[in-house]
Amino acid sequence: MIYGVTLYKDSRGQMLILPNAKDETGVSVQINKPVILNQPYGALEIGQKIKECFEVCASEPFQASKDFVKVYEIVTGIKSFSQFSKNRLSAMIFLDTEKGYNIMPLQRYPDGSYRPNSEKYPRMSLEINAGSLQIGEAVQNAFEKLGAGLP
């Protein structure tokens, strides 16, 4: 099984960690179980929270609803994704339960979207038995590489 967690980090260092699930059409959707880390926090805490979010991914499948609200809107009150993403870096971390972790830094584009740019920001891989500290350090490394793109 492959699970995903989306990470956002703002200019003040606040980190949002959002577990994802697949909707009925197979599209990855953020689950309304956000984790918010405010400074100061370290690599170990980041890794622990990411592992907790993977547990949420595995145990709580997405439930469609007419009243579905974007998680970033619930957390920040910002209704427009382009406004939300304006001062945030983003990365995805995937857990393949047979192979391990993949951390994918995402480049922000002028329209506010994030997409991978493997030439500029290569993916990082960790073994399946990677500990919380290793995961947290890899995520910090990804955000450091992206940091030059933050206004």
Protein backbone atom coordinates (compact mmCIF):
# COMPACT_ATOMS: atom_id res chain seq x y z
CA MET A 1 0.00 0.00 0.00
CA ILE A 2 1.14 3.56 -0.66
CA TYR A 3 0.12 6.40 1.67
CA GLY A 4 0.82 10.11 1.34
CA VAL A 5 1.22 13.06 3.67
CA THR A 6 1.34 16.69 2.52
CA LEU A 7 3.60 19.17 4.31
CA TYR A 8 3.44 22.96 4.26
CA LYS A 9 5.86 25.33 5.98
CA ASP A 10 5.22 29.06 6.21
CA SER A 11 7.66 31.95 6.49
CA ARG A 12 7.42 31.89 10.33
CA GLY A 13 8.36 28.20 10.41
CA GLN A 14 4.88 26.88 11.25
CA MET A 15 4.48 23.44 9.70
CA LEU A 16 1.17 21.87 8.66
CA ILE A 17 1.22 18.10 8.28
CA LEU A 18 -1.84 16.75 6.49
CA PRO A 19 -2.62 13.04 5.99
CA ASN A 20 -4.12 12.06 2.64
CA ALA A 21 -6.61 9.41 1.54
CA LYS A 22 -7.99 8.35 -1.83
CA ASP A 23 -11.52 9.41 -2.70
CA GLU A 24 -13.96 7.16 -4.57
CA THR A 25 -12.32 8.10 -7.92
CA GLY A 26 -8.79 7.39 -6.66
CA VAL A 27 -7.77 11.05 -6.28
CA SER A 28 -5.66 11.87 -3.23
CA VAL A 29 -7.52 14.18 -0.83
CA GLN A 30 -6.33 15.70 2.45
CA ILE A 31 -8.05 14.27 5.53
CA ASN A 32 -9.32 16.75 8.12
CA LYS A 33 -6.88 15.51 10.78
CA PRO A 34 -4.18 18.20 10.50
CA VAL A 35 -1.12 18.39 12.70
CA ILE A 36 0.24 21.89 13.33
CA LEU A 37 3.79 22.37 14.58
CA ASN A 38 4.85 25.79 15.80
CA GLN A 39 8.48 26.74 16.42
CA PRO A 40 10.47 25.49 18.19
CA TYR A 41 10.34 21.89 17.00
CA GLY A 42 13.01 19.47 15.95
CA ALA A 43 13.55 16.68 13.47
CA LEU A 44 12.41 14.01 15.92
CA GLU A 45 9.05 15.70 16.53
CA ILE A 46 8.51 16.22 12.78
CA GLY A 47 9.20 12.55 12.11
CA GLN A 48 6.95 11.38 14.95
CA LYS A 49 4.05 13.53 13.70
CA ILE A 50 4.52 12.31 10.13
CA LYS A 51 4.42 8.69 11.32
CA GLU A 52 1.20 9.48 13.25
CA CYS A 53 -0.29 10.93 10.06
CA PHE A 54 0.56 7.75 8.16
CA GLU A 55 -1.41 5.83 10.81
CA VAL A 56 -4.37 8.15 10.10
CA CYS A 57 -3.97 7.51 6.34
CA ALA A 58 -4.15 3.77 6.92
CA SER A 59 -7.05 3.81 9.38
CA GLU A 60 -9.35 6.58 8.11
CA PRO A 61 -10.45 6.37 4.49
CA PHE A 62 -11.83 9.52 2.89
CA GLN A 63 -15.55 10.07 3.33
CA ALA A 64 -17.17 12.19 0.62
CA SER A 65 -19.54 14.89 1.80
CA LYS A 66 -21.47 17.78 0.25
CA ASP A 67 -20.13 19.90 3.12
CA PHE A 68 -16.49 19.01 2.40
CA VAL A 69 -14.19 21.93 3.22
CA LYS A 70 -10.54 22.14 2.24
CA VAL A 71 -8.31 21.36 5.22
CA TYR A 72 -6.08 24.39 4.58
CA GLU A 73 -9.22 26.57 4.84
CA ILE A 74 -10.25 24.97 8.13
CA VAL A 75 -6.76 25.44 9.60
CA THR A 76 -6.02 28.97 8.34
CA GLY A 77 -9.37 30.49 7.35
CA ILE A 78 -7.92 31.29 3.90
CA LYS A 79 -10.43 30.32 1.20
CA SER A 80 -8.19 30.65 -1.88
CA PHE A 81 -5.46 28.05 -2.35
CA SER A 82 -3.27 30.53 -4.24
CA GLN A 83 -3.48 32.90 -1.22
CA PHE A 84 -2.76 30.02 1.16
CA SER A 85 0.26 28.86 -0.84
CA LYS A 86 1.66 32.36 -1.34
CA ASN A 87 4.06 32.25 1.62
CA ARG A 88 4.40 28.50 2.06
CA LEU A 89 6.79 25.82 0.93
CA SER A 90 5.44 22.34 0.32
CA ALA A 91 6.60 18.76 0.13
CA MET A 92 4.97 15.35 -0.04
CA ILE A 93 6.13 12.24 1.74
CA PHE A 94 4.97 8.84 0.60
CA LEU A 95 5.14 5.57 2.47
CA ASP A 96 5.24 2.43 0.35
CA THR A 97 4.64 -0.25 2.98
CA GLU A 98 6.85 -2.66 0.99
CA LYS A 99 9.70 -0.36 -0.08
CA GLY A 100 10.05 2.66 2.23
CA TYR A 101 9.67 6.43 2.21
CA ASN A 102 9.97 8.95 -0.61
CA ILE A 103 10.17 12.65 0.12
CA MET A 104 9.29 14.90 -2.79
CA PRO A 105 9.98 18.65 -2.46
CA LEU A 106 7.43 20.63 -4.49
CA GLN A 107 8.13 23.81 -6.42
CA ARG A 108 5.56 26.60 -6.11
CA TYR A 109 4.39 28.12 -9.38
CA PRO A 110 2.96 31.63 -10.02
CA ASP A 111 -0.62 30.30 -10.10
CA GLY A 112 -0.17 29.06 -6.50
CA SER A 113 0.08 25.38 -7.41
CA TYR A 114 2.88 23.04 -6.35
CA ARG A 115 4.48 20.48 -8.62
CA PRO A 116 7.60 18.32 -8.50
CA ASN A 117 10.71 19.57 -10.29
CA SER A 118 13.07 16.60 -10.01
CA GLU A 119 15.96 18.41 -11.71
CA LYS A 120 15.93 21.29 -9.24
CA TYR A 121 14.62 19.41 -6.18
CA PRO A 122 15.38 15.67 -6.38
CA ARG A 123 13.37 13.13 -4.41
CA MET A 124 14.90 11.60 -1.31
CA SER A 125 14.39 7.98 -0.32
CA LEU A 126 14.56 6.28 3.07
CA GLU A 127 14.38 2.62 3.98
CA ILE A 128 11.15 1.15 5.37
CA ASN A 129 12.76 0.88 8.82
CA ALA A 130 13.73 4.58 8.93
CA GLY A 131 13.18 6.10 12.35
CA SER A 132 11.34 9.29 13.23
CA LEU A 133 14.60 11.23 13.51
CA GLN A 134 15.74 10.18 10.02
CA ILE A 135 12.36 11.08 8.53
CA GLY A 136 12.33 14.45 10.27
CA GLU A 137 15.88 15.26 9.17
CA ALA A 138 15.04 14.38 5.55
CA VAL A 139 11.98 16.65 5.66
CA GLN A 140 14.03 19.49 7.17
CA ASN A 141 16.58 18.96 4.39
CA ALA A 142 13.83 19.15 1.75
CA PHE A 143 12.54 22.42 3.17
CA GLU A 144 16.07 23.85 3.37
CA LYS A 145 16.52 23.14 -0.34
CA LEU A 146 13.17 24.77 -1.09
CA GLY A 147 13.88 27.71 1.23
CA ALA A 148 15.43 29.83 -1.51
CA GLY A 149 11.98 29.91 -3.14
CA LEU A 150 10.20 31.45 -0.14
CA PRO A 151 9.52 35.19 -0.46
